[in-house]
Amino acid sequence: MSHAVLKLDKAQLNKIKIEYHPYIQSNVPQGGLFVAKVEGCTITAYKSGKILFQGPAAEQESSRWSEGETVLKTKEVKGRKKHAYLPPEQVGSKSMIGSDEVGTGDFFGPITVVAAFVSKEQLPLVKELGVKDSKLLKDPQIIEIAKDLIQSIPYSLLVLDNPKYNELQSKGMSQGKMKAKLHQKAISNVLEKISGPDTVEGILIDQFCEPDIYFRHTNSQPGTNPPIYFETKAEALHLSVAAASIIARYAFLKKMDDLSDSVGLPLPKGAGPHVDEAAAKVIFKHGVDVLKKVSKTHFANTQKALKLVQQKRKG
């Protein structure tokens, strides 16, 4: 187990709180702002501006927010090993399958997972199409680039719609396990589409859990042909992951438009207070059963929306 501590300003802490909104816990320590629990990590923010990440996934969670900030402490407990699946230094020039997902932190909409293959010969083309970290692109750019990408490279898109997501979650399957299974299936699909594993020099997964947990979730073995790698912020390491992220985002945006049309209301992304308001409007217009068809019902937004409905009805 490891932990990391960051020192952030108020605006950054608010941004993080919104990001982890679905996972906020009720128990907050003295001097604390909020506590959130995601798979493999507990995040505790303090009024002092410090934010503590604890657990096996502390390193990758803290790395999401540490760019340009000061990491005050990163400690590995004795006996914990650095995982053996970090990509090689020259990974960016290899023929790779990359995989990424979108929608895991959004109350409305599905989870979309994409695996994409970019050969070393296609790297210049994919770069010319404008592929880069999707977080640096606005939605209109993502849509434009994705339309070219899906005509240019082998890929597999899997969409876990809300009703199925809610069913799996109600049976006790964690979101992390769902993601692992989707990544594994998408990667397998791409391997079947191309000429064979020898064409692929490696598989790079944008890391969302420890490799051992991933293999346990998927009942799979690491394998060496092709080798599998895990790294956080993998979009910056190879264009295959960036391409996968863009296609996944494109599919997510299309699905969000379809869901908005189905309920006759704009459904926002994210999981902040504006989402609570939108969820309450869905309940007012269609009832809770329809909300379940367009959202991840175990998120805290559901109960907050129900409270808003009660308050408005009383008023």
Protein backbone atom coordinates (compact mmCIF):
# COMPACT_ATOMS: atom_id res chain seq x y z
CA MET A 1 0.00 0.00 0.00
CA SER A 2 1.20 3.54 -0.71
CA HIS A 3 0.13 7.08 -0.15
CA ALA A 4 0.74 10.51 -1.68
CA VAL A 5 -0.03 14.02 -0.49
CA LEU A 6 -0.57 17.02 -2.77
CA LYS A 7 -0.82 20.70 -1.87
CA LEU A 8 -3.50 22.38 -4.00
CA ASP A 9 -5.43 25.63 -4.07
CA LYS A 10 -9.16 25.98 -3.39
CA ALA A 11 -10.16 25.98 -7.06
CA GLN A 12 -8.26 22.75 -7.70
CA LEU A 13 -9.79 21.09 -4.64
CA ASN A 14 -13.26 22.06 -5.84
CA LYS A 15 -12.49 20.58 -9.26
CA ILE A 16 -11.38 17.32 -7.65
CA LYS A 17 -14.48 17.24 -5.44
CA ILE A 18 -16.71 17.55 -8.50
CA GLU A 19 -14.78 14.78 -10.26
CA TYR A 20 -15.21 12.41 -7.30
CA HIS A 21 -18.76 13.54 -6.54
CA PRO A 22 -20.34 10.08 -7.01
CA TYR A 23 -17.90 8.56 -4.53
CA ILE A 24 -18.14 11.13 -1.71
CA GLN A 25 -18.48 9.58 1.76
CA SER A 26 -20.46 10.93 4.71
CA ASN A 27 -17.66 10.55 7.27
CA VAL A 28 -15.25 13.51 7.17
CA PRO A 29 -12.36 13.87 9.65
CA GLN A 30 -11.82 16.99 11.73
CA GLY A 31 -10.40 19.70 9.51
CA GLY A 32 -11.46 17.80 6.42
CA LEU A 33 -13.36 19.03 3.37
CA PHE A 34 -14.44 15.70 1.89
CA VAL A 35 -13.61 12.02 1.69
CA ALA A 36 -14.10 9.95 -1.47
CA LYS A 37 -13.52 6.25 -2.06
CA VAL A 38 -12.78 4.77 -5.47
CA GLU A 39 -11.49 1.34 -6.26
CA GLY A 40 -8.07 0.95 -4.66
CA CYS A 41 -7.86 4.46 -3.20
CA THR A 42 -9.31 6.69 -0.48
CA ILE A 43 -9.03 10.43 -1.14
CA THR A 44 -9.18 12.86 1.80
CA ALA A 45 -9.07 16.62 1.27
CA TYR A 46 -8.31 19.05 4.11
CA LYS A 47 -9.08 22.72 4.68
CA SER A 48 -5.32 23.33 4.75
CA GLY A 49 -5.23 22.61 1.01
CA LYS A 50 -3.58 19.22 1.38
CA ILE A 51 -5.17 16.17 -0.21
CA LEU A 52 -4.20 12.64 0.82
CA PHE A 53 -4.41 9.60 -1.47
CA GLN A 54 -4.20 6.21 0.30
CA GLY A 55 -4.30 2.66 -1.05
CA PRO A 56 -2.89 0.46 -3.82
CA ALA A 57 -4.05 2.91 -6.49
CA ALA A 58 -2.80 6.03 -4.67
CA GLU A 59 0.01 6.64 -7.14
CA GLN A 60 -2.16 6.61 -10.26
CA GLU A 61 -4.99 8.61 -8.67
CA SER A 62 -2.66 11.31 -7.35
CA SER A 63 -0.86 11.47 -10.70
CA ARG A 64 -4.11 12.68 -12.29
CA TRP A 65 -3.84 15.89 -10.26
CA SER A 66 -0.12 16.31 -9.58
CA GLU A 67 1.00 17.78 -12.91
CA GLY A 68 2.57 21.12 -12.18
CA GLU A 69 1.92 20.69 -8.45
CA THR A 70 4.11 19.76 -5.51
CA VAL A 71 4.01 16.16 -4.36
CA LEU A 72 4.82 16.51 -0.69
CA LYS A 73 5.17 12.83 0.03
CA THR A 74 5.05 9.55 -1.82
CA LYS A 75 5.80 6.56 0.32
CA GLU A 76 5.85 2.92 -0.57
CA VAL A 77 5.34 0.53 2.28
CA LYS A 78 8.07 -2.05 2.58
CA GLY A 79 7.31 -5.12 0.49
CA ARG A 80 5.29 -3.39 -2.22
CA LYS A 81 6.83 -3.92 -5.64
CA LYS A 82 6.68 -1.65 -8.63
CA HIS A 83 4.58 -3.55 -11.14
CA ALA A 84 6.37 -5.38 -13.91
CA TYR A 85 4.14 -4.11 -16.70
CA LEU A 86 5.43 -0.60 -17.27
CA PRO A 87 5.97 0.15 -20.99
CA PRO A 88 9.49 0.47 -22.43
CA GLU A 89 10.95 3.92 -23.04
CA GLN A 90 10.59 3.72 -26.82
CA VAL A 91 6.98 2.52 -26.72
CA GLY A 92 5.78 5.55 -28.72
CA SER A 93 7.49 4.33 -31.89
CA LYS A 94 6.13 0.77 -31.79
CA SER A 95 3.09 -0.90 -33.39
CA MET A 96 0.66 -1.00 -30.49
CA ILE A 97 -2.89 -1.72 -29.45
CA GLY A 98 -4.04 0.93 -26.99
CA SER A 99 -7.22 0.94 -24.91
CA ASP A 100 -9.08 3.56 -22.93
CA GLU A 101 -12.58 4.25 -21.60
CA VAL A 102 -14.95 7.19 -21.17
CA GLY A 103 -18.03 7.75 -19.02
CA THR A 104 -17.02 6.10 -15.76
CA GLY A 105 -17.40 9.28 -13.72
CA ASP A 106 -20.53 10.54 -15.49
CA PHE A 107 -23.92 9.99 -13.86
CA PHE A 108 -25.75 10.04 -17.17
CA GLY A 109 -24.74 7.88 -20.09
CA PRO A 110 -22.92 4.62 -20.68
CA ILE A 111 -19.35 3.50 -20.27
CA THR A 112 -17.64 3.35 -23.66
CA VAL A 113 -14.43 1.35 -24.05
CA VAL A 114 -12.28 1.30 -27.18
CA ALA A 115 -9.18 -0.62 -28.17
CA ALA A 116 -7.39 0.63 -31.29
CA PHE A 117 -4.36 -0.55 -33.25
CA VAL A 118 -1.88 1.92 -34.68
CA SER A 119 1.07 0.41 -36.52
CA LYS A 120 4.42 2.16 -36.64
CA GLU A 121 3.76 2.87 -40.32
CA GLN A 122 0.47 4.62 -39.45
CA LEU A 123 1.87 6.83 -36.70
CA PRO A 124 2.51 9.82 -39.04
CA LEU A 125 -1.01 9.52 -40.52
CA VAL A 126 -2.70 9.34 -37.14
CA LYS A 127 -0.70 12.31 -35.93
CA GLU A 128 -1.63 14.22 -39.09
CA LEU A 129 -5.31 13.57 -38.33
CA GLY A 130 -4.83 15.56 -35.13
CA VAL A 131 -4.75 12.71 -32.63
CA LYS A 132 -3.44 13.68 -29.20
CA ASP A 133 -4.57 13.50 -25.58
CA SER A 134 -8.36 13.87 -25.76
CA LYS A 135 -8.31 16.07 -22.65
CA LEU A 136 -6.60 18.70 -24.81
CA LEU A 137 -9.38 18.58 -27.41
CA LYS A 138 -12.84 20.12 -27.38
CA ASP A 139 -15.88 18.03 -28.27
CA PRO A 140 -16.24 19.38 -31.86
CA GLN A 141 -12.58 18.52 -32.53
CA ILE A 142 -13.04 15.03 -31.10
CA ILE A 143 -16.05 14.40 -33.35
CA GLU A 144 -14.20 15.57 -36.45
CA ILE A 145 -11.05 13.55 -35.72
CA ALA A 146 -13.00 10.42 -34.70
CA LYS A 147 -14.90 10.35 -38.00
CA ASP A 148 -11.57 10.10 -39.82
CA LEU A 149 -10.06 7.64 -37.36
CA ILE A 150 -12.83 5.05 -37.61
CA GLN A 151 -12.17 4.89 -41.35
CA SER A 152 -8.39 4.61 -40.93
CA ILE A 153 -7.45 2.16 -38.16
CA PRO A 154 -8.66 -1.18 -36.75
CA TYR A 155 -10.61 -0.66 -33.53
CA SER A 156 -13.27 -2.20 -31.31
CA LEU A 157 -15.93 -0.16 -29.52
CA LEU A 158 -17.92 -1.61 -26.63
CA VAL A 159 -20.79 0.30 -25.02
CA LEU A 160 -22.11 -0.69 -21.60
CA ASP A 161 -25.56 0.90 -21.52
CA ASN A 162 -27.08 2.11 -18.27
CA PRO A 163 -29.67 -0.68 -17.74
CA LYS A 164 -26.98 -3.39 -18.05
CA TYR A 165 -24.53 -1.36 -15.94
CA ASN A 166 -27.13 -0.99 -13.18
CA GLU A 167 -27.96 -4.69 -13.33
CA LEU A 168 -24.31 -5.71 -12.97
CA GLN A 169 -23.73 -3.19 -10.20
CA SER A 170 -26.79 -4.36 -8.26
CA LYS A 171 -25.38 -7.92 -8.39
CA GLY A 172 -22.19 -6.75 -6.74
CA MET A 173 -19.85 -6.21 -9.69
CA SER A 174 -17.57 -3.24 -9.17
CA GLN A 175 -17.09 -0.61 -11.84
CA GLY A 176 -13.43 -1.59 -11.96
CA LYS A 177 -14.28 -5.17 -12.84
CA MET A 178 -16.72 -4.01 -15.52
CA LYS A 179 -14.01 -1.83 -17.07
CA ALA A 180 -11.42 -4.62 -16.97
CA LYS A 181 -13.75 -7.05 -18.73
CA LEU A 182 -14.64 -4.48 -21.38
CA HIS A 183 -10.97 -3.61 -22.02
CA GLN A 184 -10.07 -7.28 -22.32
CA LYS A 185 -12.89 -7.99 -24.78
CA ALA A 186 -12.12 -4.92 -26.92
CA ILE A 187 -8.44 -5.87 -27.10
CA SER A 188 -9.34 -9.44 -28.10
CA ASN A 189 -11.63 -8.10 -30.81
CA VAL A 190 -8.86 -5.98 -32.30
CA LEU A 191 -6.39 -8.88 -32.23
CA GLU A 192 -8.89 -10.89 -34.27
CA LYS A 193 -9.23 -8.09 -36.83
CA ILE A 194 -5.55 -7.74 -37.64
CA SER A 195 -3.25 -10.29 -39.27
CA GLY A 196 -2.00 -11.80 -36.03
CA PRO A 197 -0.27 -11.15 -32.70
CA ASP A 198 3.15 -10.99 -34.37
CA THR A 199 2.02 -7.75 -36.05
CA VAL A 200 1.46 -6.19 -32.63
CA GLU A 201 4.53 -5.24 -30.60
CA GLY A 202 2.55 -4.60 -27.45
CA ILE A 203 -0.74 -3.74 -25.76
CA LEU A 204 -0.94 -0.56 -23.69
CA ILE A 205 -3.84 -0.04 -21.29
CA ASP A 206 -4.50 3.35 -19.72
CA GLN A 207 -4.11 2.12 -16.16
CA PHE A 208 -7.18 2.30 -13.91
CA CYS A 209 -6.21 -0.46 -11.46
CA GLU A 210 -3.19 -2.50 -10.45
CA PRO A 211 -2.20 -5.07 -13.10
CA ASP A 212 -2.73 -8.01 -10.73
CA ILE A 213 -6.29 -6.79 -10.07
CA TYR A 214 -6.89 -6.48 -13.81
CA PHE A 215 -5.75 -10.05 -14.44
CA ARG A 216 -7.90 -11.29 -11.57
CA HIS A 217 -10.97 -9.41 -12.85
CA THR A 218 -10.53 -10.85 -16.34
CA ASN A 219 -9.38 -14.35 -15.35
CA SER A 220 -6.44 -13.82 -17.70
CA GLN A 221 -2.69 -14.27 -17.68
CA PRO A 222 -0.13 -11.55 -18.51
CA GLY A 223 1.20 -13.20 -21.68
CA THR A 224 4.21 -12.11 -23.70
CA ASN A 225 3.02 -12.35 -27.30
CA PRO A 226 2.13 -9.59 -27.48
CA PRO A 227 3.28 -8.19 -24.13
CA ILE A 228 0.78 -6.15 -22.12
CA TYR A 229 1.66 -2.87 -20.43
CA PHE A 230 -0.14 -0.61 -17.97
CA GLU A 231 0.57 3.07 -17.38
CA THR A 232 -1.34 6.11 -16.17
CA LYS A 233 -1.71 8.97 -18.65
CA ALA A 234 -0.98 6.47 -21.42
CA GLU A 235 -2.55 8.80 -24.01
CA ALA A 236 0.69 10.77 -23.88
CA LEU A 237 2.81 7.64 -24.44
CA HIS A 238 1.31 6.18 -27.61
CA LEU A 239 -1.09 7.44 -30.24
CA SER A 240 -3.06 4.18 -30.12
CA VAL A 241 -4.32 5.03 -26.63
CA ALA A 242 -5.04 8.61 -27.66
CA ALA A 243 -6.94 7.32 -30.70
CA ALA A 244 -8.90 4.88 -28.55
CA SER A 245 -9.80 7.68 -26.14
CA ILE A 246 -11.02 9.92 -28.96
CA ILE A 247 -13.22 7.22 -30.49
CA ALA A 248 -14.59 6.31 -27.04
CA ARG A 249 -15.38 9.97 -26.36
CA TYR A 250 -17.05 10.33 -29.75
CA ALA A 251 -19.26 7.30 -29.07
CA PHE A 252 -20.08 8.61 -25.60
CA LEU A 253 -21.12 12.01 -26.96
CA LYS A 254 -23.36 10.40 -29.59
CA LYS A 255 -24.98 8.22 -26.95
CA MET A 256 -25.54 11.22 -24.68
CA ASP A 257 -27.31 13.02 -27.54
CA ASP A 258 -29.51 9.97 -28.11
CA LEU A 259 -30.39 9.72 -24.40
CA SER A 260 -31.14 13.45 -24.22
CA ASP A 261 -33.50 13.09 -27.18
CA SER A 262 -35.18 10.07 -25.57
CA VAL A 263 -36.14 12.03 -22.45
CA GLY A 264 -36.67 15.38 -24.16
CA LEU A 265 -34.18 17.08 -21.85
CA PRO A 266 -30.49 17.99 -22.11
CA LEU A 267 -28.47 15.52 -20.04
CA PRO A 268 -25.20 17.06 -18.82
CA LYS A 269 -21.88 15.29 -18.41
CA GLY A 270 -20.15 14.86 -15.07
CA ALA A 271 -21.64 14.29 -11.65
CA GLY A 272 -21.87 17.76 -10.04
CA PRO A 273 -24.84 19.69 -8.64
CA HIS A 274 -26.02 20.63 -12.15
CA VAL A 275 -26.46 16.91 -12.78
CA ASP A 276 -28.64 16.60 -9.66
CA GLU A 277 -30.93 19.27 -11.11
CA ALA A 278 -31.13 17.51 -14.47
CA ALA A 279 -31.89 14.19 -12.79
CA ALA A 280 -34.69 15.81 -10.80
CA LYS A 281 -36.19 17.13 -14.04
CA VAL A 282 -36.12 13.62 -15.53
CA ILE A 283 -37.95 12.29 -12.46
CA PHE A 284 -40.55 15.07 -12.64
CA LYS A 285 -41.18 14.46 -16.33
CA HIS A 286 -40.90 10.67 -16.60
CA GLY A 287 -40.47 9.09 -13.17
CA VAL A 288 -37.66 7.18 -11.48
CA ASP A 289 -37.88 4.16 -13.80
CA VAL A 290 -36.87 6.28 -16.80
CA LEU A 291 -34.02 7.84 -14.82
CA LYS A 292 -32.68 4.31 -14.26
CA LYS A 293 -32.52 3.79 -18.02
CA VAL A 294 -30.27 6.79 -18.62
CA SER A 295 -28.07 6.94 -15.51
CA LYS A 296 -25.79 5.04 -13.12
CA THR A 297 -28.27 4.79 -10.27
CA HIS A 298 -25.80 3.95 -7.47
CA PHE A 299 -24.19 7.38 -7.82
CA ALA A 300 -25.09 9.80 -5.03
CA ASN A 301 -26.84 11.99 -7.62
CA THR A 302 -29.90 9.73 -7.53
CA GLN A 303 -30.66 10.36 -3.86
CA LYS A 304 -29.84 14.05 -4.20
CA ALA A 305 -32.24 14.33 -7.14
CA LEU A 306 -34.98 12.57 -5.17
CA LYS A 307 -34.50 15.07 -2.33
CA LEU A 308 -34.78 17.95 -4.79
CA VAL A 309 -38.03 16.47 -6.12
CA GLN A 310 -39.43 16.16 -2.60
CA GLN A 311 -38.46 19.72 -1.75
CA LYS A 312 -40.10 21.10 -4.90
CA ARG A 313 -43.25 19.11 -4.35
CA LYS A 314 -43.51 20.37 -0.77
CA GLY A 315 -42.91 23.90 -1.99
